[in-house]
């Protein structure tokens, strides 16, 4: 009986030591994975911010390009208008001459 009790206590002590070691290893792995996860989340946030900045830059570039194209088109239209109108003012479009018929009374 004493031998069985000694055996059970020995095995229990071994299992307890093994459980403590496994618990510490698991804690270490959880901490490592938690640090890696924090690093990954930081990189995702950073990349998201950089992408938003890049998109905003392209939007600004496109807006400026649109404004420049409107300005250029406006200047070309003004130049064309001044060529046709000239400095003397607007030219009148000639109306077709109607034939006058005399009514005989």
PDB file of N, CA and C in Angstrom:
ATOM      1  N   UNK A   1       0.803  -1.163   0.000  1.00  0.00           N
ATOM      2  CA  UNK A   1       0.000   0.000   0.000  1.00  0.00           C
ATOM      3  C   UNK A   1       0.870   1.259   0.000  1.00  0.00           C
ATOM      4  N   UNK A   2       1.912   1.211   0.787  1.00  0.00           N
ATOM      5  CA  UNK A   2       2.815   2.364   0.854  1.00  0.00           C
ATOM      6  C   UNK A   2       3.511   2.584  -0.479  1.00  0.00           C
ATOM      7  N   UNK A   3       3.791   1.500  -1.162  1.00  0.00           N
ATOM      8  CA  UNK A   3       4.462   1.620  -2.459  1.00  0.00           C
ATOM      9  C   UNK A   3       3.532   2.276  -3.490  1.00  0.00           C
ATOM     10  N   UNK A   4       2.253   1.912  -3.445  1.00  0.00           N
ATOM     11  CA  UNK A   4       1.287   2.486  -4.386  1.00  0.00           C
ATOM     12  C   UNK A   4       1.125   3.982  -4.094  1.00  0.00           C
ATOM     13  N   UNK A   5       1.043   4.339  -2.819  1.00  0.00           N
ATOM     14  CA  UNK A   5       0.924   5.741  -2.442  1.00  0.00           C
ATOM     15  C   UNK A   5       2.150   6.537  -2.869  1.00  0.00           C
ATOM     16  N   UNK A   6       3.331   5.964  -2.681  1.00  0.00           N
ATOM     17  CA  UNK A   6       4.567   6.624  -3.093  1.00  0.00           C
ATOM     18  C   UNK A   6       4.607   6.786  -4.601  1.00  0.00           C
ATOM     19  N   UNK A   7       4.156   5.758  -5.327  1.00  0.00           N
ATOM     20  CA  UNK A   7       4.130   5.827  -6.792  1.00  0.00           C
ATOM     21  C   UNK A   7       3.166   6.923  -7.260  1.00  0.00           C
ATOM     22  N   UNK A   8       1.970   6.960  -6.668  1.00  0.00           N
ATOM     23  CA  UNK A   8       0.971   7.960  -7.052  1.00  0.00           C
ATOM     24  C   UNK A   8       1.474   9.362  -6.731  1.00  0.00           C
ATOM     25  N   UNK A   9       2.084   9.542  -5.567  1.00  0.00           N
ATOM     26  CA  UNK A   9       2.626  10.855  -5.217  1.00  0.00           C
ATOM     27  C   UNK A   9       3.763  11.255  -6.152  1.00  0.00           C
ATOM     28  N   UNK A  10       4.593  10.330  -6.551  1.00  0.00           N
ATOM     29  CA  UNK A  10       5.692  10.604  -7.484  1.00  0.00           C
ATOM     30  C   UNK A  10       5.194  11.006  -8.849  1.00  0.00           C
ATOM     31  N   UNK A  11       4.214  10.232  -9.334  1.00  0.00           N
ATOM     32  CA  UNK A  11       3.631  10.564 -10.645  1.00  0.00           C
ATOM     33  C   UNK A  11       2.913  11.908 -10.570  1.00  0.00           C
ATOM     34  N   UNK A  12       2.184  12.149  -9.488  1.00  0.00           N
ATOM     35  CA  UNK A  12       1.480  13.423  -9.323  1.00  0.00           C
ATOM     36  C   UNK A  12       2.455  14.593  -9.299  1.00  0.00           C
ATOM     37  N   UNK A  13       3.613  14.409  -8.610  1.00  0.00           N
ATOM     38  CA  UNK A  13       4.616  15.469  -8.565  1.00  0.00           C
ATOM     39  C   UNK A  13       5.176  15.721  -9.962  1.00  0.00           C
ATOM     40  N   UNK A  14       5.413  14.655 -10.721  1.00  0.00           N
ATOM     41  CA  UNK A  14       5.921  14.800 -12.097  1.00  0.00           C
ATOM     42  C   UNK A  14       4.928  15.513 -13.003  1.00  0.00           C
ATOM     43  N   UNK A  15       3.666  15.121 -12.875  1.00  0.00           N
ATOM     44  CA  UNK A  15       2.614  15.744 -13.691  1.00  0.00           C
ATOM     45  C   UNK A  15       2.458  17.214 -13.306  1.00  0.00           C
ATOM     46  N   UNK A  16       2.546  17.517 -12.022  1.00  0.00           N
ATOM     47  CA  UNK A  16       2.428  18.898 -11.568  1.00  0.00           C
ATOM     48  C   UNK A  16       3.574  19.756 -12.121  1.00  0.00           C
ATOM     49  N   UNK A  17       4.795  19.216 -12.071  1.00  0.00           N
ATOM     50  CA  UNK A  17       5.944  19.953 -12.619  1.00  0.00           C
ATOM     51  C   UNK A  17       5.774  20.143 -14.125  1.00  0.00           C
ATOM     52  N   UNK A  18       5.340  19.078 -14.792  1.00  0.00           N
ATOM     53  CA  UNK A  18       5.116  19.180 -16.246  1.00  0.00           C
ATOM     54  C   UNK A  18       4.034  20.229 -16.546  1.00  0.00           C
ATOM     55  N   UNK A  19       2.955  20.286 -15.811  1.00  0.00           N
ATOM     56  CA  UNK A  19       1.874  21.255 -16.012  1.00  0.00           C
ATOM     57  C   UNK A  19       2.374  22.679 -15.797  1.00  0.00           C
ATOM     58  N   UNK A  20       3.227  22.891 -14.790  1.00  0.00           N
ATOM     59  CA  UNK A  20       3.775  24.228 -14.546  1.00  0.00           C
ATOM     60  C   UNK A  20       4.666  24.652 -15.712  1.00  0.00           C
ATOM     61  N   UNK A  21       5.495  23.742 -16.206  1.00  0.00           N
ATOM     62  CA  UNK A  21       6.373  24.052 -17.345  1.00  0.00           C
ATOM     63  C   UNK A  21       5.536  24.389 -18.582  1.00  0.00           C
ATOM     64  N   UNK A  22       4.513  23.593 -18.844  1.00  0.00           N
ATOM     65  CA  UNK A  22       3.644  23.838 -20.000  1.00  0.00           C
ATOM     66  C   UNK A  22       2.932  25.184 -19.851  1.00  0.00           C
ATOM     67  N   UNK A  23       2.494  25.511 -18.653  1.00  0.00           N
ATOM     68  CA  UNK A  23       1.815  26.781 -18.421  1.00  0.00           C
ATOM     69  C   UNK A  23       2.752  27.949 -18.692  1.00  0.00           C
ATOM     70  N   UNK A  24       4.004  27.872 -18.241  1.00  0.00           N
ATOM     71  CA  UNK A  24       4.962  28.946 -18.507  1.00  0.00           C
ATOM     72  C   UNK A  24       5.291  29.062 -19.985  1.00  0.00           C
ATOM     73  N   UNK A  25       5.455  27.919 -20.680  1.00  0.00           N
ATOM     74  CA  UNK A  25       5.721  27.958 -22.124  1.00  0.00           C
ATOM     75  C   UNK A  25       4.537  28.576 -22.874  1.00  0.00           C
ATOM     76  N   UNK A  26       3.337  28.187 -22.466  1.00  0.00           N
ATOM     77  CA  UNK A  26       2.141  28.733 -23.111  1.00  0.00           C
ATOM     78  C   UNK A  26       2.044  30.235 -22.878  1.00  0.00           C
ATOM     79  N   UNK A  27       2.353  30.664 -21.664  1.00  0.00           N
ATOM     80  CA  UNK A  27       2.324  32.099 -21.355  1.00  0.00           C
ATOM     81  C   UNK A  27       3.339  32.847 -22.209  1.00  0.00           C
ATOM     82  N   UNK A  28       4.522  32.268 -22.361  1.00  0.00           N
ATOM     83  CA  UNK A  28       5.569  32.899 -23.173  1.00  0.00           C
ATOM     84  C   UNK A  28       5.130  32.995 -24.641  1.00  0.00           C
ATOM     85  N   UNK A  29       4.534  31.919 -25.167  1.00  0.00           N
ATOM     86  CA  UNK A  29       4.072  31.934 -26.555  1.00  0.00           C
ATOM     87  C   UNK A  29       2.940  32.947 -26.751  1.00  0.00           C
ATOM     88  N   UNK A  30       2.030  33.026 -25.781  1.00  0.00           N
ATOM     89  CA  UNK A  30       0.932  33.987 -25.870  1.00  0.00           C
ATOM     90  C   UNK A  30       1.469  35.406 -25.878  1.00  0.00           C
ATOM     91  N   UNK A  31       2.459  35.686 -25.015  1.00  0.00           N
ATOM     92  CA  UNK A  31       3.050  37.027 -24.991  1.00  0.00           C
ATOM     93  C   UNK A  31       3.748  37.342 -26.314  1.00  0.00           C
ATOM     94  N   UNK A  32       4.482  36.377 -26.856  1.00  0.00           N
ATOM     95  CA  UNK A  32       5.167  36.575 -28.144  1.00  0.00           C
ATOM     96  C   UNK A  32       4.152  36.838 -29.255  1.00  0.00           C
ATOM     97  N   UNK A  33       3.109  36.014 -29.305  1.00  0.00           N
ATOM     98  CA  UNK A  33       2.083  36.202 -30.336  1.00  0.00           C
ATOM     99  C   UNK A  33       1.342  37.520 -30.158  1.00  0.00           C
ATOM    100  N   UNK A  34       1.132  37.929 -28.932  1.00  0.00           N
ATOM    101  CA  UNK A  34       0.478  39.209 -28.670  1.00  0.00           C
ATOM    102  C   UNK A  34       1.331  40.368 -29.174  1.00  0.00           C
ATOM    103  N   UNK A  35       2.644  40.308 -28.958  1.00  0.00           N
ATOM    104  CA  UNK A  35       3.546  41.351 -29.463  1.00  0.00           C
ATOM    105  C   UNK A  35       3.548  41.378 -30.983  1.00  0.00           C
ATOM    106  N   UNK A  36       3.576  40.188 -31.600  1.00  0.00           N
ATOM    107  CA  UNK A  36       3.545  40.130 -33.065  1.00  0.00           C
ATOM    108  C   UNK A  36       2.231  40.684 -33.604  1.00  0.00           C
ATOM    109  N   UNK A  37       1.136  40.364 -32.939  1.00  0.00           N
ATOM    110  CA  UNK A  37      -0.170  40.875 -33.359  1.00  0.00           C
ATOM    111  C   UNK A  37      -0.221  42.395 -33.241  1.00  0.00           C
ATOM    112  N   UNK A  38       0.337  42.938 -32.167  1.00  0.00           N
ATOM    113  CA  UNK A  38       0.381  44.399 -32.018  1.00  0.00           C
ATOM    114  C   UNK A  38       1.201  45.031 -33.139  1.00  0.00           C
ATOM    115  N   UNK A  39       2.329  44.388 -33.488  1.00  0.00           N
ATOM    116  CA  UNK A  39       3.149  44.891 -34.585  1.00  0.00           C
ATOM    117  C   UNK A  39       2.409  44.854 -35.912  1.00  0.00           C
ATOM    118  N   UNK A  40       1.677  43.782 -36.151  1.00  0.00           N
ATOM    119  CA  UNK A  40       0.913  43.655 -37.400  1.00  0.00           C
ATOM    120  C   UNK A  40      -0.195  44.704 -37.453  1.00  0.00           C
ATOM    121  N   UNK A  41      -0.890  44.902 -36.342  1.00  0.00           N
ATOM    122  CA  UNK A  41      -1.942  45.921 -36.314  1.00  0.00           C
ATOM    123  C   UNK A  41      -1.370  47.320 -36.528  1.00  0.00           C
ATOM    124  N   UNK A  42      -0.185  47.587 -35.968  1.00  0.00           N
ATOM    125  CA  UNK A  42       0.474  48.878 -36.181  1.00  0.00           C
ATOM    126  C   UNK A  42       0.800  49.067 -37.660  1.00  0.00           C
ATOM    127  N   UNK A  43       1.331  48.016 -38.296  1.00  0.00           N
ATOM    128  CA  UNK A  43       1.676  48.105 -39.718  1.00  0.00           C
ATOM    129  C   UNK A  43       0.423  48.322 -40.570  1.00  0.00           C
ATOM    130  N   UNK A  44      -0.674  47.652 -40.214  1.00  0.00           N
ATOM    131  CA  UNK A  44      -1.924  47.833 -40.970  1.00  0.00           C
ATOM    132  C   UNK A  44      -2.409  49.272 -40.837  1.00  0.00           C
ATOM    133  N   UNK A  45      -2.378  49.806 -39.621  1.00  0.00           N
ATOM    134  CA  UNK A  45      -2.800  51.202 -39.420  1.00  0.00           C
ATOM    135  C   UNK A  45      -1.904  52.166 -40.185  1.00  0.00           C
ATOM    136  N   UNK A  46      -0.608  51.910 -40.150  1.00  0.00           N
ATOM    137  CA  UNK A  46       0.352  52.779 -40.846  1.00  0.00           C
ATOM    138  C   UNK A  46       0.130  52.728 -42.355  1.00  0.00           C
ATOM    139  N   UNK A  47      -0.045  51.508 -42.894  1.00  0.00           N
ATOM    140  CA  UNK A  47      -0.291  51.375 -44.333  1.00  0.00           C
ATOM    141  C   UNK A  47      -1.610  52.016 -44.729  1.00  0.00           C
ATOM    142  N   UNK A  48      -2.609  51.911 -43.873  1.00  0.00           N
ATOM    143  CA  UNK A  48      -3.902  52.545 -44.147  1.00  0.00           C
ATOM    144  C   UNK A  48      -3.750  54.064 -44.207  1.00  0.00           C
ATOM    145  N   UNK A  49      -2.995  54.613 -43.273  1.00  0.00           N
ATOM    146  CA  UNK A  49      -2.778  56.059 -43.257  1.00  0.00           C
ATOM    147  C   UNK A  49      -2.000  56.508 -44.494  1.00  0.00           C
ATOM    148  N   UNK A  50      -0.966  55.756 -44.861  1.00  0.00           N
ATOM    149  CA  UNK A  50      -0.185  56.100 -46.056  1.00  0.00           C
ATOM    150  C   UNK A  50      -1.038  56.007 -47.320  1.00  0.00           C
ATOM    151  N   UNK A  51      -1.897  54.992 -47.378  1.00  0.00           N
ATOM    152  CA  UNK A  51      -2.777  54.846 -48.544  1.00  0.00           C
ATOM    153  C   UNK A  51      -3.754  56.009 -48.631  1.00  0.00           C
ATOM    154  N   UNK A  52      -4.316  56.403 -47.490  1.00  0.00           N
ATOM    155  CA  UNK A  52      -5.239  57.542 -47.496  1.00  0.00           C
ATOM    156  C   UNK A  52      -4.530  58.821 -47.921  1.00  0.00           C
ATOM    157  N   UNK A  53      -3.297  59.022 -47.474  1.00  0.00           N
ATOM    158  CA  UNK A  53      -2.530  60.204 -47.904  1.00  0.00           C
ATOM    159  C   UNK A  53      -2.286  60.175 -49.403  1.00  0.00           C
ATOM    160  N   UNK A  54      -1.958  58.986 -49.918  1.00  0.00           N
ATOM    161  CA  UNK A  54      -1.684  58.860 -51.349  1.00  0.00           C
ATOM    162  C   UNK A  54      -2.953  59.130 -52.156  1.00  0.00           C
ATOM    163  N   UNK A  55      -4.076  58.600 -51.693  1.00  0.00           N
ATOM    164  CA  UNK A  55      -5.348  58.843 -52.383  1.00  0.00           C
ATOM    165  C   UNK A  55      -5.684  60.328 -52.360  1.00  0.00           C
ATOM    166  N   UNK A  56      -5.489  60.975 -51.199  1.00  0.00           N
ATOM    167  CA  UNK A  56      -5.745  62.419 -51.117  1.00  0.00           C
ATOM    168  C   UNK A  56      -4.837  63.195 -52.068  1.00  0.00           C
ATOM    169  N   UNK A  57      -3.587  62.760 -52.192  1.00  0.00           N
ATOM    170  CA  UNK A  57      -2.669  63.409 -53.125  1.00  0.00           C
ATOM    171  C   UNK A  57      -3.139  63.277 -54.561  1.00  0.00           C
ATOM    172  N   UNK A  58      -3.617  62.095 -54.928  1.00  0.00           N
ATOM    173  CA  UNK A  58      -4.121  61.900 -56.289  1.00  0.00           C
ATOM    174  C   UNK A  58      -5.398  62.703 -56.528  1.00  0.00           C
ATOM    175  N   UNK A  59      -6.236  62.803 -55.512  1.00  0.00           N
ATOM    176  CA  UNK A  59      -7.451  63.618 -55.658  1.00  0.00           C
ATOM    177  C   UNK A  59      -7.072  65.080 -55.872  1.00  0.00           C
ATOM    178  N   UNK A  60      -6.109  65.584 -55.089  1.00  0.00           N
ATOM    179  CA  UNK A  60      -5.660  66.968 -55.259  1.00  0.00           C
ATOM    180  C   UNK A  60      -5.056  67.180 -56.642  1.00  0.00           C
ATOM    181  N   UNK A  61      -4.241  66.217 -57.094  1.00  0.00           N
ATOM    182  CA  UNK A  61      -3.632  66.311 -58.413  1.00  0.00           C
ATOM    183  C   UNK A  61      -4.700  66.362 -59.501  1.00  0.00           C
ATOM    184  N   UNK A  62      -5.702  65.497 -59.389  1.00  0.00           N
ATOM    185  CA  UNK A  62      -6.767  65.464 -60.387  1.00  0.00           C
ATOM    186  C   UNK A  62      -7.582  66.751 -60.368  1.00  0.00           C
ATOM    187  N   UNK A  63      -7.843  67.270 -59.178  1.00  0.00           N
ATOM    188  CA  UNK A  63      -8.590  68.529 -59.072  1.00  0.00           C
ATOM    189  C   UNK A  63      -7.813  69.669 -59.713  1.00  0.00           C
ATOM    190  N   UNK A  64      -6.519  69.748 -59.433  1.00  0.00           N
ATOM    191  CA  UNK A  64      -5.682  70.793 -60.040  1.00  0.00           C
ATOM    192  C   UNK A  64      -5.616  70.635 -61.554  1.00  0.00           C
ATOM    193  N   UNK A  65      -5.520  69.400 -62.015  1.00  0.00           N
ATOM    194  CA  UNK A  65      -5.475  69.147 -63.452  1.00  0.00           C
ATOM    195  C   UNK A  65      -6.785  69.591 -64.107  1.00  0.00           C
ATOM    196  N   UNK A  66      -7.889  69.329 -63.446  1.00  0.00           N
ATOM    197  CA  UNK A  66      -9.194  69.753 -63.973  1.00  0.00           C
ATOM    198  C   UNK A  66      -9.285  71.275 -64.022  1.00  0.00           C
ATOM    199  N   UNK A  67      -8.854  71.941 -62.945  1.00  0.00           N
ATOM    200  CA  UNK A  67      -8.879  73.408 -62.925  1.00  0.00           C
ATOM    201  C   UNK A  67      -7.993  73.981 -64.021  1.00  0.00           C
ATOM    202  N   UNK A  68      -6.799  73.403 -64.196  1.00  0.00           N
ATOM    203  CA  UNK A  68      -5.893  73.881 -65.236  1.00  0.00           C
ATOM    204  C   UNK A  68      -6.494  73.686 -66.623  1.00  0.00           C
ATOM    205  N   UNK A  69      -7.148  72.550 -66.846  1.00  0.00           N
ATOM    206  CA  UNK A  69      -7.739  72.313 -68.162  1.00  0.00           C
ATOM    207  C   UNK A  69      -8.887  73.281 -68.423  1.00  0.00           C
ATOM    208  N   UNK A  70      -9.682  73.576 -67.389  1.00  0.00           N
ATOM    209  CA  UNK A  70     -10.751  74.563 -67.561  1.00  0.00           C
ATOM    210  C   UNK A  70     -10.182  75.945 -67.850  1.00  0.00           C
ATOM    211  N   UNK A  71      -9.129  76.312 -67.155  1.00  0.00           N
ATOM    212  CA  UNK A  71      -8.496  77.610 -67.367  1.00  0.00           C
ATOM    213  C   UNK A  71      -7.930  77.700 -68.785  1.00  0.00           C
ATOM    214  N   UNK A  72      -7.263  76.646 -69.228  1.00  0.00           N
ATOM    215  CA  UNK A  72      -6.687  76.629 -70.570  1.00  0.00           C
ATOM    216  C   UNK A  72      -7.792  76.714 -71.623  1.00  0.00           C
ATOM    217  N   UNK A  73      -8.847  75.948 -71.439  1.00  0.00           N
ATOM    218  CA  UNK A  73      -9.962  75.974 -72.390  1.00  0.00           C
ATOM    219  C   UNK A  73     -10.611  77.350 -72.419  1.00  0.00           C
ATOM    220  N   UNK A  74     -10.781  77.944 -71.244  1.00  0.00           N
ATOM    221  CA  UNK A  74     -11.349  79.296 -71.173  1.00  0.00           C
ATOM    222  C   UNK A  74     -10.496  80.294 -71.948  1.00  0.00           C
ATOM    223  N   UNK A  75      -9.185  80.222 -71.755  1.00  0.00           N
ATOM    224  CA  UNK A  75      -8.311  81.172 -72.439  1.00  0.00           C
ATOM    225  C   UNK A  75      -8.361  80.958 -73.949  1.00  0.00           C
ATOM    226  N   UNK A  76      -8.433  79.708 -74.386  1.00  0.00           N
ATOM    227  CA  UNK A  76      -8.496  79.437 -75.822  1.00  0.00           C
ATOM    228  C   UNK A  76      -9.817  79.937 -76.411  1.00  0.00           C
ATOM    229  N   UNK A  77     -10.903  79.749 -75.668  1.00  0.00           N
ATOM    230  CA  UNK A  77     -12.207  80.231 -76.145  1.00  0.00           C
ATOM    231  C   UNK A  77     -12.209  81.751 -76.201  1.00  0.00           C
ATOM    232  N   UNK A  78     -11.630  82.413 -75.197  1.00  0.00           N
ATOM    233  CA  UNK A  78     -11.548  83.871 -75.200  1.00  0.00           C
ATOM    234  C   UNK A  78     -10.734  84.366 -76.390  1.00  0.00           C
ATOM    235  N   UNK A  79      -9.657  83.668 -76.672  1.00  0.00           N
ATOM    236  CA  UNK A  79      -8.810  84.057 -77.797  1.00  0.00           C
ATOM    237  C   UNK A  79      -9.573  83.891 -79.114  1.00  0.00           C
ATOM    238  N   UNK A  80     -10.288  82.796 -79.240  1.00  0.00           N
ATOM    239  CA  UNK A  80     -11.073  82.558 -80.449  1.00  0.00           C
ATOM    240  C   UNK A  80     -12.189  83.586 -80.574  1.00  0.00           C
ATOM    241  N   UNK A  81     -12.827  83.912 -79.471  1.00  0.00           N
ATOM    242  CA  UNK A  81     -13.895  84.902 -79.469  1.00  0.00           C
ATOM    243  C   UNK A  81     -13.353  86.272 -79.883  1.00  0.00           C
ATOM    244  N   UNK A  82     -12.192  86.646 -79.353  1.00  0.00           N
ATOM    245  CA  UNK A  82     -11.626  87.948 -79.717  1.00  0.00           C
ATOM    246  C   UNK A  82     -11.209  87.973 -81.186  1.00  0.00           C
ATOM    247  N   UNK A  83     -10.859  86.842 -81.735  1.00  0.00           N
ATOM    248  CA  UNK A  83     -10.480  86.781 -83.145  1.00  0.00           C
ATOM    249  C   UNK A  83     -11.697  87.036 -84.027  1.00  0.00           C
ATOM    250  N   UNK A  84     -12.831  86.465 -83.658  1.00  0.00           N
ATOM    251  CA  UNK A  84     -14.025  86.653 -84.465  1.00  0.00           C
ATOM    252  C   UNK A  84     -14.666  88.013 -84.219  1.00  0.00           C
ATOM    253  N   UNK A  85     -14.690  88.464 -83.005  1.00  0.00           N
ATOM    254  CA  UNK A  85     -15.349  89.726 -82.684  1.00  0.00           C
ATOM    255  C   UNK A  85     -14.414  90.894 -82.966  1.00  0.00           C
ATOM    256  N   UNK A  86     -13.179  90.730 -82.614  1.00  0.00           N
ATOM    257  CA  UNK A  86     -12.231  91.799 -82.836  1.00  0.00           C
ATOM    258  C   UNK A  86     -12.396  92.895 -81.814  1.00  0.00           C
ATOM    259  N   UNK A  87     -11.703  93.985 -82.058  1.00  0.00           N
ATOM    260  CA  UNK A  87     -11.773  95.089 -81.102  1.00  0.00           C
ATOM    261  C   UNK A  87     -12.887  96.064 -81.446  1.00  0.00           C
ATOM    262  N   UNK A  88     -13.518  95.922 -82.615  1.00  0.00           N
ATOM    263  CA  UNK A  88     -14.549  96.873 -83.032  1.00  0.00           C
ATOM    264  C   UNK A  88     -15.907  96.527 -82.456  1.00  0.00           C
ATOM    265  N   UNK A  89     -16.024  95.412 -81.848  1.00  0.00           N
ATOM    266  CA  UNK A  89     -17.315  95.025 -81.276  1.00  0.00           C
ATOM    267  C   UNK A  89     -17.870  93.822 -82.016  1.00  0.00           C
ATOM    268  N   UNK A  90     -19.051  93.464 -81.653  1.00  0.00           N
ATOM    269  CA  UNK A  90     -19.674  92.286 -82.237  1.00  0.00           C
ATOM    270  C   UNK A  90     -20.092  92.559 -83.678  1.00  0.00           C
ATOM    271  N   UNK A  91     -19.894  91.618 -84.523  1.00  0.00           N
ATOM    272  CA  UNK A  91     -20.321  91.740 -85.911  1.00  0.00           C
ATOM    273  C   UNK A  91     -21.783  91.353 -85.988  1.00  0.00           C
ATOM    274  N   UNK A  92     -22.470  92.079 -86.825  1.00  0.00           N
ATOM    275  CA  UNK A  92     -23.886  91.779 -86.990  1.00  0.00           C
ATOM    276  C   UNK A  92     -24.040  90.767 -88.106  1.00  0.00           C
ATOM    277  N   UNK A  93     -24.945  89.895 -87.883  1.00  0.00           N
ATOM    278  CA  UNK A  93     -25.244  88.901 -88.910  1.00  0.00           C
ATOM    279  C   UNK A  93     -26.216  89.549 -89.885  1.00  0.00           C
ATOM    280  N   UNK A  94     -25.894  89.462 -91.135  1.00  0.00           N
ATOM    281  CA  UNK A  94     -26.750  90.092 -92.134  1.00  0.00           C
ATOM    282  C   UNK A  94     -28.024  89.284 -92.313  1.00  0.00           C
ATOM    283  N   UNK A  95     -29.108  90.019 -92.354  1.00  0.00           N
ATOM    284  CA  UNK A  95     -30.404  89.397 -92.567  1.00  0.00           C
ATOM    285  C   UNK A  95     -30.634  89.343 -94.077  1.00  0.00           C
ATOM    286  N   UNK A  96     -31.262  88.308 -94.508  1.00  0.00           N
ATOM    287  CA  UNK A  96     -31.554  88.250 -95.956  1.00  0.00           C
ATOM    288  C   UNK A  96     -32.509  89.377 -96.334  1.00  0.00           C
ATOM    289  N   UNK A  97     -32.280  89.941 -97.505  1.00  0.00           N
ATOM    290  CA  UNK A  97     -33.090  91.058 -97.984  1.00  0.00           C
ATOM    291  C   UNK A  97     -34.395  90.499 -98.530  1.00  0.00           C
ATOM    292  N   UNK A  98     -35.480  91.076 -98.029  1.00  0.00           N
ATOM    293  CA  UNK A  98     -36.779  90.647 -98.493  1.00  0.00           C
ATOM    294  C   UNK A  98     -37.165  91.490 -99.697  1.00  0.00           C
ATOM    295  N   UNK A  99     -37.730  90.840-100.626  1.00  0.00           N
ATOM    296  CA  UNK A  99     -38.201  91.561-101.813  1.00  0.00           C
ATOM    297  C   UNK A  99     -39.477  92.281-101.432  1.00  0.00           C
ATOM    298  N   UNK A 100     -39.491  93.551-101.785  1.00  0.00           N
ATOM    299  CA  UNK A 100     -40.697  94.316-101.510  1.00  0.00           C
ATOM    300  C   UNK A 100     -41.559  94.329-102.762  1.00  0.00           C
ATOM    301  N   UNK A 101     -42.721  93.988-102.539  1.00  0.00           N
ATOM    302  CA  UNK A 101     -43.670  94.008-103.652  1.00  0.00           C
ATOM    303  C   UNK A 101     -44.612  95.175-103.443  1.00  0.00           C
ATOM    304  N   UNK A 102     -44.813  95.907-104.466  1.00  0.00           N
ATOM    305  CA  UNK A 102     -45.707  97.057-104.389  1.00  0.00           C
ATOM    306  C   UNK A 102     -47.120  96.579-104.666  1.00  0.00           C
ATOM    307  N   UNK A 103     -47.961  97.042-103.827  1.00  0.00           N
ATOM    308  CA  UNK A 103     -49.377  96.730-104.042  1.00  0.00           C
ATOM    309  C   UNK A 103     -49.961  97.815-104.941  1.00  0.00           C
ATOM    310  N   UNK A 104     -50.615  97.364-105.903  1.00  0.00           N
ATOM    311  CA  UNK A 104     -51.245  98.299-106.825  1.00  0.00           C
ATOM    312  C   UNK A 104     -52.671  98.529-106.370  1.00  0.00           C
ATOM    313  N   UNK A 105     -53.019  99.741-106.271  1.00  0.00           N
ATOM    314  CA  UNK A 105     -54.359 100.087-105.845  1.00  0.00           C
ATOM    315  C   UNK A 105     -55.162 100.569-106.983  1.00  0.00           C
TER     316      UNK A 105
END
